[in-house]
Amino acid sequence: MRAVKFLAHEREVLERYLPGLDAKLRGYPLCELERPEGVAIRTFREHGGARLLIPARYGGLGVPGTDVARVQRALATRSPSLAVATTMHHFSVATLVEMAAADKGLSWLLIEAIARQGLLVASGFAEGKPSTGILSPCARLERGPGGLCVSGSKKPCSLSRSMSLLTLSMIDSREEGAGRRLVVGLINANSPGIERRPYWGSPILAGAESDEIVLRNVPIGEEALFYAGAADLLDAVQLRGFLWFQLILTASYLGVASALVERVLLADRGTPEERSVAVTEVEGAMAALESLGQEISTGKATEEMLARSLYIRFMVQRAIERASMLCAEMLGGTMFMSSPDVAYLLAASRAIAFHPPSRLSISKTLDDYTSSGKSLCLQ
């Protein structure tokens, strides 16, 4: 196979922030990194990956949005499951950082602990529940005999086995009616009352540890709660968290498609025209993500920016579909049949369509927002 320049910049950025991680991951076959309880997540943590989005003054790396997108793209070319799992960690950390910056009941000491100890934070925000919005809580906050406690279920929940902390959205059962507030809580993953159940039956992205987390009267202190406003609306903290989510998620799946493009280039498959089309699809998509990353890092989070992040995500999603199918065709049936990697990457690249908000579920909302200026409600 020939040497290629493709992805060199992304891997240089990854090496700058997390030295040695790419080389370590490259030493394992894809199937080893993608299996349940594989080595990818542990390796990521050992190389300090948990610190990426934490500001440098609190022991983190303070990586700007453009470079975060590059890091995630590079990681996904080695292990799609790792990129997807760490997307949820980064989303959780970004939300915690915004909460702490807003001085809303969360100490910076916790942020420093995540950075110093390399703690992985799972996301218990609503996801994977048919006919519900992404703000629909998956748990209830109640007052029990011993104080405040949480009950509910989150499935799937990535990092279910490797998490140290769990962030989750809750409805405060002490309140009633339309004015109920959405509550964000933080729980130690080893707290009594937390159960992990098998849930992810597919071999695709199995390494992301996306199982079910069941909570039964799990104790939580008032200091670990953040009241985010009306349960059906995004406040400023949540808004920035969702912006980070769209950026990191999309860059991760672009990395999966890029892994197929790289295989085409290394094997010198297809014609120059076909290879150029595939590279143009993913590089053009990456340019859009880099622009979005810059905007998230330097601009004020607004509803307009969130809409733009969704437009970019769905544009990139289409580019991923086209590039992945073209690359699979260029790699040919022999490679498809002789190695599981091509089929695996092709299937994994399509999973971007399943993350909320899906293109189908949000299309009318985006159309209303663009056409008549209605609010961009994510329910």
Protein backbone atom coordinates (compact mmCIF):
# COMPACT_ATOMS: atom_id res chain seq x y z
CA MET A 1 0.00 0.00 0.00
CA ARG A 2 1.13 3.54 -0.71
CA ALA A 3 1.55 6.40 1.78
CA VAL A 4 -1.05 9.17 1.62
CA LYS A 5 -1.35 12.69 3.04
CA PHE A 6 -5.05 12.29 3.79
CA LEU A 7 -5.93 12.79 7.51
CA ALA A 8 -2.38 13.88 8.34
CA HIS A 9 -3.51 17.19 9.84
CA GLU A 10 -6.18 15.62 12.05
CA ARG A 11 -3.70 13.09 13.39
CA GLU A 12 -1.13 15.80 14.04
CA VAL A 13 -3.72 17.64 16.13
CA LEU A 14 -4.60 14.45 18.01
CA GLU A 15 -0.92 13.85 18.74
CA ARG A 16 -0.48 17.42 19.98
CA TYR A 17 -3.19 17.08 22.62
CA LEU A 18 -3.04 13.35 23.42
CA PRO A 19 0.48 12.16 22.63
CA GLY A 20 0.83 8.49 21.83
CA LEU A 21 -2.89 7.72 21.68
CA ASP A 22 -3.13 7.35 17.90
CA ALA A 23 -0.09 5.06 17.78
CA LYS A 24 -1.50 2.92 20.56
CA LEU A 25 -4.89 2.56 18.87
CA ARG A 26 -3.25 1.85 15.53
CA GLY A 27 -1.61 -1.18 17.09
CA TYR A 28 -4.93 -2.99 17.53
CA PRO A 29 -7.15 -4.49 14.81
CA LEU A 30 -10.48 -2.77 14.34
CA CYS A 31 -12.44 -5.75 15.69
CA GLU A 32 -10.49 -5.62 18.95
CA LEU A 33 -11.24 -1.93 19.48
CA GLU A 34 -14.92 -2.35 18.63
CA ARG A 35 -15.86 -5.28 20.81
CA PRO A 36 -17.61 -4.88 24.19
CA GLU A 37 -15.13 -4.34 27.01
CA GLY A 38 -12.36 -3.71 24.48
CA VAL A 39 -9.25 -1.66 25.06
CA ALA A 40 -10.22 1.59 23.31
CA ILE A 41 -11.99 3.44 26.13
CA ARG A 42 -9.37 2.45 28.69
CA THR A 43 -6.60 3.60 26.37
CA PHE A 44 -8.36 6.93 25.79
CA ARG A 45 -8.61 7.52 29.52
CA GLU A 46 -4.98 6.55 30.15
CA HIS A 47 -3.86 9.17 27.63
CA GLY A 48 -5.80 11.99 29.30
CA GLY A 49 -8.68 12.22 26.85
CA ALA A 50 -11.20 13.06 29.55
CA ARG A 51 -9.64 16.54 29.89
CA LEU A 52 -10.18 17.78 26.34
CA LEU A 53 -13.05 20.25 26.93
CA ILE A 54 -12.12 21.35 30.45
CA PRO A 55 -10.50 24.82 30.61
CA ALA A 56 -6.75 24.79 31.17
CA ARG A 57 -7.02 26.79 34.41
CA TYR A 58 -8.89 23.87 35.94
CA GLY A 59 -6.46 21.19 34.83
CA GLY A 60 -7.93 20.49 31.41
CA LEU A 61 -6.62 20.94 27.91
CA GLY A 62 -9.04 23.69 26.88
CA VAL A 63 -9.21 22.45 23.30
CA PRO A 64 -11.05 24.89 20.98
CA GLY A 65 -13.98 23.66 18.95
CA THR A 66 -12.14 23.42 15.63
CA ASP A 67 -9.48 21.16 17.12
CA VAL A 68 -12.06 19.10 19.03
CA ALA A 69 -13.67 18.27 15.68
CA ARG A 70 -10.28 17.27 14.29
CA VAL A 71 -9.48 15.08 17.30
CA GLN A 72 -12.82 13.29 17.08
CA ARG A 73 -12.46 12.70 13.37
CA ALA A 74 -9.01 11.19 13.89
CA LEU A 75 -10.20 8.98 16.75
CA ALA A 76 -13.14 7.67 14.74
CA THR A 77 -10.85 6.49 11.95
CA ARG A 78 -9.26 4.13 14.48
CA SER A 79 -12.34 3.21 16.55
CA PRO A 80 -15.89 4.37 15.73
CA SER A 81 -17.12 3.06 19.10
CA LEU A 82 -14.55 5.13 20.97
CA ALA A 83 -15.53 8.29 19.12
CA VAL A 84 -19.24 7.75 19.78
CA ALA A 85 -18.71 6.92 23.46
CA THR A 86 -16.46 9.91 24.05
CA THR A 87 -18.97 12.17 22.30
CA MET A 88 -21.30 11.52 25.22
CA HIS A 89 -18.50 12.21 27.72
CA HIS A 90 -17.62 15.51 26.05
CA PHE A 91 -21.29 16.52 25.86
CA SER A 92 -21.66 15.87 29.59
CA VAL A 93 -18.44 17.70 30.46
CA ALA A 94 -19.33 20.68 28.27
CA THR A 95 -22.66 20.96 30.07
CA LEU A 96 -20.98 20.72 33.48
CA VAL A 97 -18.46 23.40 32.53
CA GLU A 98 -21.27 25.72 31.41
CA MET A 99 -23.17 25.05 34.63
CA ALA A 100 -20.13 25.84 36.74
CA ALA A 101 -19.37 28.97 34.72
CA ALA A 102 -22.94 30.12 35.33
CA ASP A 103 -22.37 29.52 39.06
CA LYS A 104 -25.50 27.47 39.37
CA GLY A 105 -24.80 25.09 42.20
CA LEU A 106 -21.85 23.16 40.82
CA SER A 107 -18.34 23.66 42.19
CA TRP A 108 -15.28 23.95 39.97
CA LEU A 109 -13.71 21.45 42.35
CA LEU A 110 -15.70 18.74 40.59
CA ILE A 111 -14.49 19.88 37.17
CA GLU A 112 -10.93 19.82 38.46
CA ALA A 113 -11.45 16.29 39.80
CA ILE A 114 -12.63 15.09 36.38
CA ALA A 115 -9.51 16.55 34.78
CA ARG A 116 -7.07 15.44 37.47
CA GLN A 117 -8.36 11.90 37.84
CA GLY A 118 -9.39 11.34 34.22
CA LEU A 119 -12.97 10.59 35.18
CA LEU A 120 -15.36 9.58 32.41
CA VAL A 121 -18.83 11.09 32.54
CA ALA A 122 -21.80 9.32 30.93
CA SER A 123 -24.85 11.17 29.62
CA GLY A 124 -28.26 10.32 31.00
CA PHE A 125 -30.16 12.86 28.95
CA ALA A 126 -33.18 11.45 27.15
CA GLU A 127 -32.27 9.52 24.03
CA GLY A 128 -33.62 6.45 22.28
CA LYS A 129 -37.19 6.87 23.56
CA PRO A 130 -39.66 6.73 20.66
CA SER A 131 -42.13 9.62 20.34
CA THR A 132 -40.37 11.76 22.93
CA GLY A 133 -38.17 14.83 22.54
CA ILE A 134 -34.55 15.07 23.54
CA LEU A 135 -35.48 17.22 26.52
CA SER A 136 -37.92 14.61 27.82
CA PRO A 137 -36.34 13.48 31.10
CA CYS A 138 -35.50 9.87 31.72
CA ALA A 139 -35.67 10.04 35.51
CA ARG A 140 -37.62 11.51 38.43
CA LEU A 141 -36.27 13.50 41.33
CA GLU A 142 -38.13 12.59 44.53
CA ARG A 143 -37.91 13.18 48.23
CA GLY A 144 -37.56 9.95 50.16
CA PRO A 145 -37.16 9.15 53.87
CA GLY A 146 -33.41 9.72 53.67
CA GLY A 147 -33.50 12.83 51.50
CA LEU A 148 -33.51 13.45 47.76
CA CYS A 149 -33.24 10.45 45.45
CA VAL A 150 -33.48 9.61 41.74
CA SER A 151 -35.38 6.83 39.99
CA GLY A 152 -35.67 6.01 36.32
CA SER A 153 -33.95 4.35 33.38
CA LYS A 154 -31.68 5.43 30.54
CA LYS A 155 -31.22 3.24 27.49
CA PRO A 156 -28.96 3.23 25.67
CA CYS A 157 -26.34 4.84 27.89
CA SER A 158 -22.84 4.89 26.42
CA LEU A 159 -19.89 4.35 28.79
CA SER A 160 -22.18 2.27 30.99
CA ARG A 161 -19.28 0.17 32.29
CA SER A 162 -16.46 2.72 32.21
CA MET A 163 -18.22 5.78 33.61
CA SER A 164 -17.18 7.33 36.91
CA LEU A 165 -20.03 9.84 36.95
CA LEU A 166 -23.47 10.04 35.38
CA THR A 167 -25.22 13.23 34.34
CA LEU A 168 -28.94 12.93 33.78
CA SER A 169 -32.06 14.95 33.16
CA MET A 170 -34.93 14.70 35.61
CA ILE A 171 -38.36 16.05 36.31
CA ASP A 172 -38.82 17.28 39.86
CA SER A 173 -41.77 15.26 41.17
CA ARG A 174 -42.25 17.87 43.89
CA GLU A 175 -43.59 20.24 41.23
CA GLU A 176 -46.72 19.93 39.12
CA GLY A 177 -48.19 21.43 35.99
CA ALA A 178 -46.78 23.16 32.95
CA GLY A 179 -44.30 25.17 35.00
CA ARG A 180 -42.27 22.15 36.04
CA ARG A 181 -38.53 22.67 35.80
CA LEU A 182 -36.03 20.42 34.11
CA VAL A 183 -33.35 19.34 36.57
CA VAL A 184 -29.85 18.22 35.66
CA GLY A 185 -28.14 16.03 38.25
CA LEU A 186 -24.75 14.44 38.74
CA ILE A 187 -24.41 11.02 40.37
CA ASN A 188 -21.45 8.86 41.32
CA ALA A 189 -21.52 5.76 39.09
CA ASN A 190 -20.91 3.52 42.11
CA SER A 191 -23.85 4.86 44.11
CA PRO A 192 -26.21 2.30 45.65
CA GLY A 193 -29.32 1.69 43.55
CA ILE A 194 -27.59 1.83 40.14
CA GLU A 195 -27.93 -1.29 37.98
CA ARG A 196 -26.44 -1.98 34.55
CA ARG A 197 -28.45 -4.20 32.19
CA PRO A 198 -27.48 -5.55 28.75
CA TYR A 199 -29.28 -3.63 26.03
CA TRP A 200 -27.13 -3.18 22.90
CA GLY A 201 -27.75 -6.27 20.79
CA SER A 202 -26.01 -5.13 17.61
CA PRO A 203 -22.30 -5.80 16.95
CA ILE A 204 -22.07 -2.34 15.35
CA LEU A 205 -20.62 0.21 17.82
CA ALA A 206 -20.75 -2.40 20.59
CA GLY A 207 -17.52 -1.00 22.00
CA ALA A 208 -19.32 2.18 23.07
CA GLU A 209 -20.79 0.26 26.05
CA SER A 210 -24.32 1.43 25.31
CA ASP A 211 -26.36 -0.58 27.80
CA GLU A 212 -29.26 0.28 30.08
CA ILE A 213 -28.75 2.12 33.35
CA VAL A 214 -31.52 1.59 35.90
CA LEU A 215 -31.75 3.87 38.94
CA ARG A 216 -33.78 2.91 42.00
CA ASN A 217 -33.90 5.49 44.77
CA VAL A 218 -30.33 6.58 44.12
CA PRO A 219 -29.37 9.26 46.69
CA ILE A 220 -28.37 12.69 45.41
CA GLY A 221 -27.47 15.89 47.23
CA GLU A 222 -28.97 19.29 46.53
CA GLU A 223 -25.48 20.57 45.66
CA ALA A 224 -25.35 18.14 42.71
CA LEU A 225 -28.52 19.55 41.11
CA PHE A 226 -28.92 22.28 38.51
CA TYR A 227 -32.38 23.70 37.81
CA ALA A 228 -32.42 24.42 34.09
CA GLY A 229 -35.72 26.26 33.70
CA ALA A 230 -38.95 25.16 32.05
CA ALA A 231 -38.91 21.47 31.15
CA ASP A 232 -39.83 22.09 27.50
CA LEU A 233 -37.32 24.86 26.72
CA LEU A 234 -33.58 25.15 26.17
CA ASP A 235 -31.79 27.56 28.48
CA ALA A 236 -28.37 29.06 27.68
CA VAL A 237 -26.44 26.28 29.43
CA GLN A 238 -28.27 23.47 27.67
CA LEU A 239 -28.06 25.32 24.37
CA ARG A 240 -24.27 25.43 24.42
CA GLY A 241 -24.16 21.79 25.49
CA PHE A 242 -26.28 20.74 22.52
CA LEU A 243 -24.10 22.79 20.18
CA TRP A 244 -21.04 20.88 21.37
CA PHE A 245 -22.96 17.62 20.95
CA GLN A 246 -23.85 18.29 17.32
CA LEU A 247 -20.28 19.30 16.48
CA ILE A 248 -18.57 16.35 18.16
CA LEU A 249 -21.11 13.75 17.06
CA THR A 250 -20.96 14.82 13.43
CA ALA A 251 -17.16 14.96 13.38
CA SER A 252 -17.06 11.46 14.83
CA TYR A 253 -19.22 9.94 12.11
CA LEU A 254 -17.33 11.90 9.47
CA GLY A 255 -14.26 10.12 10.82
CA VAL A 256 -15.91 6.75 10.23
CA ALA A 257 -16.54 7.65 6.59
CA SER A 258 -13.00 9.02 6.36
CA ALA A 259 -11.66 5.62 7.42
CA LEU A 260 -13.25 4.16 4.28
CA VAL A 261 -11.85 6.95 2.12
CA GLU A 262 -8.40 6.30 3.57
CA ARG A 263 -8.63 2.61 2.70
CA VAL A 264 -9.49 3.51 -0.89
CA LEU A 265 -6.51 5.85 -1.15
CA LEU A 266 -4.08 3.43 0.49
CA ALA A 267 -5.15 0.61 -1.83
CA ASP A 268 -5.24 2.92 -4.88
CA ARG A 269 -8.72 1.68 -5.76
CA GLY A 270 -11.07 3.32 -8.25
CA THR A 271 -10.19 6.04 -10.73
CA PRO A 272 -8.61 9.41 -9.92
CA GLU A 273 -11.96 11.05 -10.61
CA GLU A 274 -13.82 8.73 -8.22
CA ARG A 275 -11.23 9.15 -5.48
CA SER A 276 -11.38 12.91 -5.85
CA VAL A 277 -15.16 12.84 -5.46
CA ALA A 278 -14.89 10.83 -2.23
CA VAL A 279 -12.20 13.10 -0.78
CA THR A 280 -14.14 16.22 -1.78
CA GLU A 281 -17.23 14.95 0.04
CA VAL A 282 -15.47 14.44 3.37
CA GLU A 283 -13.07 17.39 3.18
CA GLY A 284 -15.87 19.80 2.26
CA ALA A 285 -17.90 18.47 5.18
CA MET A 286 -14.92 18.89 7.50
CA ALA A 287 -14.49 22.51 6.45
CA ALA A 288 -18.07 23.20 7.52
CA LEU A 289 -17.46 21.53 10.89
CA GLU A 290 -14.28 23.53 11.46
CA SER A 291 -16.24 26.71 10.86
CA LEU A 292 -18.92 25.60 13.30
CA GLY A 293 -16.28 24.70 15.89
CA GLN A 294 -14.77 28.17 15.64
CA GLU A 295 -18.19 29.75 16.08
CA ILE A 296 -19.00 27.65 19.14
CA SER A 297 -15.71 28.52 20.82
CA THR A 298 -15.85 32.26 20.18
CA GLY A 299 -19.49 33.20 19.74
CA LYS A 300 -22.52 33.53 21.95
CA ALA A 301 -24.78 30.47 21.90
CA THR A 302 -27.99 31.40 20.13
CA GLU A 303 -30.97 29.68 18.61
CA GLU A 304 -29.66 30.74 15.20
CA MET A 305 -26.36 28.99 15.89
CA LEU A 306 -28.19 25.84 16.93
CA ALA A 307 -30.19 25.88 13.70
CA ARG A 308 -26.98 26.30 11.75
CA SER A 309 -25.41 23.37 13.59
CA LEU A 310 -28.34 21.19 12.54
CA TYR A 311 -28.15 22.33 8.92
CA ILE A 312 -24.46 21.44 8.92
CA ARG A 313 -25.04 18.10 10.60
CA PHE A 314 -27.64 16.99 8.08
CA MET A 315 -25.50 18.23 5.17
CA VAL A 316 -22.55 16.23 6.52
CA GLN A 317 -24.84 13.24 7.07
CA ARG A 318 -25.66 13.21 3.36
CA ALA A 319 -21.99 13.58 2.45
CA ILE A 320 -21.16 10.62 4.69
CA GLU A 321 -23.77 8.49 2.93
CA ARG A 322 -22.46 9.35 -0.53
CA ALA A 323 -18.77 8.97 0.32
CA SER A 324 -19.20 5.72 2.23
CA MET A 325 -21.23 4.02 -0.49
CA LEU A 326 -18.82 5.18 -3.19
CA CYS A 327 -15.81 3.92 -1.24
CA ALA A 328 -17.40 0.55 -0.55
CA GLU A 329 -18.07 0.24 -4.29
CA MET A 330 -14.48 1.18 -5.16
CA LEU A 331 -13.03 -1.23 -2.60
CA GLY A 332 -15.02 -3.96 -4.31
CA GLY A 333 -16.72 -7.21 -3.44
CA THR A 334 -13.52 -9.12 -2.80
CA MET A 335 -12.41 -6.78 -0.04
CA PHE A 336 -15.96 -6.62 1.30
CA MET A 337 -16.06 -10.40 1.58
CA SER A 338 -12.49 -11.05 2.69
CA SER A 339 -12.41 -8.57 5.61
CA PRO A 340 -15.16 -7.49 8.02
CA ASP A 341 -13.78 -3.96 8.25
CA VAL A 342 -15.42 -2.51 5.14
CA ALA A 343 -18.89 -3.78 6.00
CA TYR A 344 -18.44 -2.71 9.61
CA LEU A 345 -17.39 0.84 8.78
CA LEU A 346 -20.17 1.17 6.20
CA ALA A 347 -22.79 0.12 8.75
CA ALA A 348 -21.30 2.25 11.53
CA SER A 349 -21.28 5.35 9.34
CA ARG A 350 -25.05 5.16 8.94
CA ALA A 351 -25.74 5.29 12.68
CA ILE A 352 -25.45 9.08 12.68
CA ALA A 353 -29.07 9.11 11.45
CA PHE A 354 -30.27 7.57 14.73
CA HIS A 355 -28.97 10.25 17.11
CA PRO A 356 -31.40 12.92 18.25
CA PRO A 357 -32.72 15.03 16.83
CA SER A 358 -33.08 12.89 13.73
CA ARG A 359 -33.50 14.59 10.37
CA LEU A 360 -37.04 13.26 10.01
CA SER A 361 -38.15 14.29 13.50
CA ILE A 362 -36.80 17.85 13.25
CA SER A 363 -37.57 18.65 9.60
CA LYS A 364 -40.88 20.41 10.23
CA THR A 365 -39.43 22.39 13.12
CA LEU A 366 -36.50 23.53 10.98
CA ASP A 367 -38.86 24.39 8.12
CA ASP A 368 -41.06 26.46 10.45
CA TYR A 369 -38.01 28.20 11.90
CA THR A 370 -36.61 29.03 8.47
CA SER A 371 -39.88 29.97 6.80
CA SER A 372 -41.79 31.80 9.48
CA GLY A 373 -39.37 32.46 12.31
CA LYS A 374 -41.00 30.13 14.83
CA SER A 375 -38.96 29.09 17.84
CA LEU A 376 -36.60 26.16 17.34
CA CYS A 377 -38.21 23.77 19.81
CA LEU A 378 -36.40 20.44 20.07
CA GLN A 379 -39.32 18.49 21.52
